[in-house]
Amino acid sequence: MKHQYDNHKAEQKLVEEAKEEMRSYLKKDYKNVSEVHFSKDYNIDPTGGVEVSGYINNDKEKEFSGIYDPTNKKIGISVVNAEEK
């Protein structure tokens, strides 16, 4: 049981890291991003990439999705319904 708990805890830490990086990425590279809301769903692929998604500025039509690369500590691939800076 402890092994499962430790794995879950490590996974949650990785997801939080992905969310923080995605938040920074959106605010840095897209115009008028003041709030970032994340979905509860996430996916960790076999290579360790973490996919997070959600919407910006309380507008559910302004969706985003991105894959965080924990090895390089950056967002690799993303789709964002917002205007780039």
N, C-alpha and C. Protein backbone atom coordinates (compact mmCIF):
# COMPACT_ATOMS: atom_id res chain seq x y z
N MET A 1 0.81 -1.20 0.00
CA MET A 1 0.00 0.00 0.00
C MET A 1 0.86 1.27 0.00
N LYS A 2 1.93 1.27 0.78
CA LYS A 2 2.78 2.46 0.83
C LYS A 2 3.36 2.77 -0.55
N HIS A 3 3.72 1.75 -1.30
CA HIS A 3 4.26 1.95 -2.65
C HIS A 3 3.23 2.68 -3.54
N GLN A 4 1.97 2.25 -3.47
CA GLN A 4 0.92 2.90 -4.25
C GLN A 4 0.74 4.35 -3.81
N TYR A 5 0.77 4.58 -2.49
CA TYR A 5 0.62 5.93 -1.95
C TYR A 5 1.76 6.82 -2.44
N ASP A 6 2.99 6.29 -2.38
CA ASP A 6 4.15 7.06 -2.83
C ASP A 6 4.07 7.38 -4.32
N ASN A 7 3.62 6.41 -5.12
CA ASN A 7 3.46 6.64 -6.56
C ASN A 7 2.41 7.71 -6.82
N HIS A 8 1.29 7.65 -6.10
CA HIS A 8 0.22 8.63 -6.27
C HIS A 8 0.72 10.03 -5.87
N LYS A 9 1.45 10.09 -4.78
CA LYS A 9 1.98 11.37 -4.31
C LYS A 9 2.95 11.97 -5.34
N ALA A 10 3.83 11.14 -5.91
CA ALA A 10 4.78 11.59 -6.93
C ALA A 10 4.04 12.04 -8.18
N GLU A 11 2.98 11.31 -8.55
CA GLU A 11 2.18 11.67 -9.73
C GLU A 11 1.50 13.02 -9.52
N GLN A 12 0.94 13.24 -8.34
CA GLN A 12 0.26 14.50 -8.05
C GLN A 12 1.24 15.67 -8.08
N LYS A 13 2.45 15.44 -7.58
CA LYS A 13 3.49 16.49 -7.61
C LYS A 13 3.83 16.84 -9.06
N LEU A 14 3.94 15.84 -9.90
CA LEU A 14 4.25 16.05 -11.32
C LEU A 14 3.12 16.82 -12.02
N VAL A 15 1.88 16.49 -11.71
CA VAL A 15 0.72 17.18 -12.30
C VAL A 15 0.71 18.65 -11.86
N GLU A 16 1.00 18.91 -10.59
CA GLU A 16 1.04 20.30 -10.11
C GLU A 16 2.15 21.08 -10.81
N GLU A 17 3.28 20.43 -11.01
CA GLU A 17 4.40 21.05 -11.74
C GLU A 17 3.96 21.39 -13.17
N ALA A 18 3.25 20.47 -13.81
CA ALA A 18 2.75 20.69 -15.17
C ALA A 18 1.78 21.87 -15.21
N LYS A 19 0.89 21.96 -14.22
CA LYS A 19 -0.08 23.06 -14.17
C LYS A 19 0.62 24.40 -14.00
N GLU A 20 1.60 24.46 -13.12
CA GLU A 20 2.33 25.72 -12.91
C GLU A 20 3.06 26.16 -14.17
N GLU A 21 3.69 25.21 -14.85
CA GLU A 21 4.40 25.54 -16.08
C GLU A 21 3.42 25.99 -17.17
N MET A 22 2.26 25.33 -17.25
CA MET A 22 1.25 25.71 -18.25
C MET A 22 0.71 27.11 -17.95
N ARG A 23 0.47 27.40 -16.69
CA ARG A 23 -0.02 28.73 -16.30
C ARG A 23 1.00 29.80 -16.73
N SER A 24 2.26 29.59 -16.44
CA SER A 24 3.31 30.55 -16.82
C SER A 24 3.40 30.70 -18.34
N TYR A 25 3.33 29.58 -19.03
CA TYR A 25 3.39 29.57 -20.50
C TYR A 25 2.25 30.39 -21.10
N LEU A 26 1.04 30.17 -20.61
CA LEU A 26 -0.12 30.89 -21.14
C LEU A 26 -0.01 32.39 -20.89
N LYS A 27 0.38 32.77 -19.68
CA LYS A 27 0.47 34.20 -19.34
C LYS A 27 1.60 34.88 -20.10
N LYS A 28 2.67 34.15 -20.39
CA LYS A 28 3.82 34.73 -21.09
C LYS A 28 3.58 34.84 -22.59
N ASP A 29 2.92 33.85 -23.19
CA ASP A 29 2.84 33.78 -24.66
C ASP A 29 1.49 34.18 -25.27
N TYR A 30 0.48 34.43 -24.44
CA TYR A 30 -0.85 34.76 -24.98
C TYR A 30 -1.36 36.05 -24.36
N LYS A 31 -2.12 36.81 -25.15
CA LYS A 31 -2.65 38.10 -24.73
C LYS A 31 -3.81 37.94 -23.76
N ASN A 32 -3.89 38.88 -22.82
CA ASN A 32 -5.04 39.02 -21.92
C ASN A 32 -5.39 37.76 -21.14
N VAL A 33 -4.41 37.05 -20.64
CA VAL A 33 -4.67 35.88 -19.80
C VAL A 33 -4.51 36.31 -18.35
N SER A 34 -5.63 36.39 -17.64
CA SER A 34 -5.55 36.78 -16.23
C SER A 34 -5.83 35.59 -15.30
N GLU A 35 -6.69 34.68 -15.73
CA GLU A 35 -7.01 33.51 -14.91
C GLU A 35 -6.89 32.25 -15.74
N VAL A 36 -6.40 31.19 -15.10
CA VAL A 36 -6.26 29.89 -15.75
C VAL A 36 -6.96 28.85 -14.89
N HIS A 37 -7.92 28.16 -15.48
CA HIS A 37 -8.69 27.12 -14.78
C HIS A 37 -8.37 25.77 -15.39
N PHE A 38 -8.00 24.82 -14.54
CA PHE A 38 -7.63 23.49 -15.02
C PHE A 38 -8.75 22.48 -14.80
N SER A 39 -8.87 21.57 -15.73
CA SER A 39 -9.79 20.45 -15.60
C SER A 39 -9.19 19.48 -14.58
N LYS A 40 -10.02 18.67 -13.96
CA LYS A 40 -9.54 17.67 -13.01
C LYS A 40 -8.84 16.53 -13.72
N ASP A 41 -9.16 16.35 -15.00
CA ASP A 41 -8.59 15.25 -15.78
C ASP A 41 -7.18 15.60 -16.25
N TYR A 42 -6.34 14.61 -16.28
CA TYR A 42 -4.99 14.74 -16.82
C TYR A 42 -4.57 13.37 -17.35
N ASN A 43 -3.50 13.36 -18.12
CA ASN A 43 -3.00 12.10 -18.66
C ASN A 43 -1.48 12.13 -18.60
N ILE A 44 -0.90 11.03 -18.14
CA ILE A 44 0.55 10.88 -18.16
C ILE A 44 0.87 9.81 -19.19
N ASP A 45 1.60 10.22 -20.25
CA ASP A 45 1.89 9.26 -21.32
C ASP A 45 3.07 8.35 -20.93
N PRO A 46 3.31 7.30 -21.70
CA PRO A 46 4.38 6.35 -21.36
C PRO A 46 5.78 6.96 -21.27
N THR A 47 5.99 8.09 -21.94
CA THR A 47 7.31 8.73 -21.88
C THR A 47 7.42 9.70 -20.70
N GLY A 48 6.33 9.86 -19.94
CA GLY A 48 6.35 10.73 -18.76
C GLY A 48 5.76 12.11 -18.99
N GLY A 49 5.37 12.44 -20.23
CA GLY A 49 4.74 13.73 -20.51
C GLY A 49 3.38 13.82 -19.82
N VAL A 50 3.06 14.99 -19.31
CA VAL A 50 1.81 15.20 -18.59
C VAL A 50 0.92 16.14 -19.39
N GLU A 51 -0.25 15.65 -19.80
CA GLU A 51 -1.19 16.49 -20.53
C GLU A 51 -2.18 17.09 -19.55
N VAL A 52 -2.27 18.42 -19.56
CA VAL A 52 -3.25 19.15 -18.75
C VAL A 52 -4.10 20.00 -19.68
N SER A 53 -5.31 20.30 -19.25
CA SER A 53 -6.21 21.10 -20.08
C SER A 53 -7.10 21.94 -19.18
N GLY A 54 -7.82 22.87 -19.82
CA GLY A 54 -8.73 23.73 -19.08
C GLY A 54 -9.18 24.88 -19.95
N TYR A 55 -9.42 26.03 -19.29
CA TYR A 55 -9.86 27.22 -20.01
C TYR A 55 -9.32 28.46 -19.31
N ILE A 56 -9.37 29.60 -20.02
CA ILE A 56 -8.81 30.83 -19.47
C ILE A 56 -9.89 31.90 -19.27
N ASN A 57 -9.64 32.75 -18.29
CA ASN A 57 -10.46 33.94 -18.01
C ASN A 57 -11.95 33.65 -17.83
N ASN A 58 -12.30 32.58 -17.17
CA ASN A 58 -13.71 32.22 -16.92
C ASN A 58 -14.53 32.07 -18.18
N ASP A 59 -13.88 31.86 -19.32
CA ASP A 59 -14.56 31.68 -20.60
C ASP A 59 -14.30 30.26 -21.09
N LYS A 60 -15.28 29.39 -20.92
CA LYS A 60 -15.10 27.98 -21.25
C LYS A 60 -14.88 27.73 -22.73
N GLU A 61 -15.10 28.74 -23.57
CA GLU A 61 -14.81 28.61 -25.00
C GLU A 61 -13.32 28.85 -25.28
N LYS A 62 -12.62 29.46 -24.34
CA LYS A 62 -11.18 29.72 -24.48
C LYS A 62 -10.40 28.54 -23.89
N GLU A 63 -10.53 27.41 -24.56
CA GLU A 63 -9.92 26.18 -24.06
C GLU A 63 -8.44 26.09 -24.41
N PHE A 64 -7.72 25.30 -23.63
CA PHE A 64 -6.33 25.00 -23.93
C PHE A 64 -6.02 23.56 -23.52
N SER A 65 -4.99 23.04 -24.11
CA SER A 65 -4.47 21.72 -23.76
C SER A 65 -2.98 21.75 -24.06
N GLY A 66 -2.20 21.17 -23.19
CA GLY A 66 -0.76 21.16 -23.41
C GLY A 66 -0.10 19.97 -22.76
N ILE A 67 1.05 19.60 -23.30
CA ILE A 67 1.81 18.48 -22.75
C ILE A 67 3.10 19.03 -22.15
N TYR A 68 3.26 18.77 -20.86
CA TYR A 68 4.44 19.19 -20.11
C TYR A 68 5.51 18.11 -20.19
N ASP A 69 6.71 18.52 -20.55
CA ASP A 69 7.86 17.62 -20.62
C ASP A 69 8.68 17.81 -19.34
N PRO A 70 8.57 16.87 -18.39
CA PRO A 70 9.27 17.05 -17.11
C PRO A 70 10.79 16.97 -17.22
N THR A 71 11.30 16.32 -18.24
CA THR A 71 12.75 16.23 -18.42
C THR A 71 13.34 17.60 -18.76
N ASN A 72 12.67 18.32 -19.64
CA ASN A 72 13.14 19.65 -20.06
C ASN A 72 12.45 20.79 -19.32
N LYS A 73 11.51 20.45 -18.45
CA LYS A 73 10.79 21.43 -17.63
C LYS A 73 10.12 22.52 -18.48
N LYS A 74 9.39 22.07 -19.55
CA LYS A 74 8.69 23.05 -20.39
C LYS A 74 7.49 22.40 -21.07
N ILE A 75 6.61 23.26 -21.59
CA ILE A 75 5.46 22.80 -22.36
C ILE A 75 5.96 22.50 -23.77
N GLY A 76 5.72 21.28 -24.22
CA GLY A 76 6.18 20.89 -25.55
C GLY A 76 5.16 21.22 -26.62
N ILE A 77 4.03 20.55 -26.60
CA ILE A 77 2.98 20.72 -27.59
C ILE A 77 1.77 21.33 -26.90
N SER A 78 1.12 22.29 -27.56
CA SER A 78 -0.08 22.89 -26.97
C SER A 78 -1.06 23.34 -28.05
N VAL A 79 -2.32 23.41 -27.65
CA VAL A 79 -3.39 23.97 -28.47
C VAL A 79 -4.10 24.97 -27.56
N VAL A 80 -4.16 26.22 -27.99
CA VAL A 80 -4.73 27.27 -27.15
C VAL A 80 -5.68 28.13 -27.98
N ASN A 81 -6.90 28.30 -27.49
CA ASN A 81 -7.89 29.14 -28.15
C ASN A 81 -7.76 30.56 -27.60
N ALA A 82 -6.66 31.23 -27.96
CA ALA A 82 -6.41 32.61 -27.53
C ALA A 82 -5.41 33.23 -28.50
N GLU A 83 -5.33 34.56 -28.46
CA GLU A 83 -4.44 35.28 -29.37
C GLU A 83 -3.01 35.32 -28.80
N GLU A 84 -2.06 34.93 -29.65
CA GLU A 84 -0.66 34.96 -29.23
C GLU A 84 -0.16 36.39 -29.12
N LYS A 85 0.83 36.59 -28.27
CA LYS A 85 1.45 37.92 -28.13
C LYS A 85 2.37 38.18 -29.30
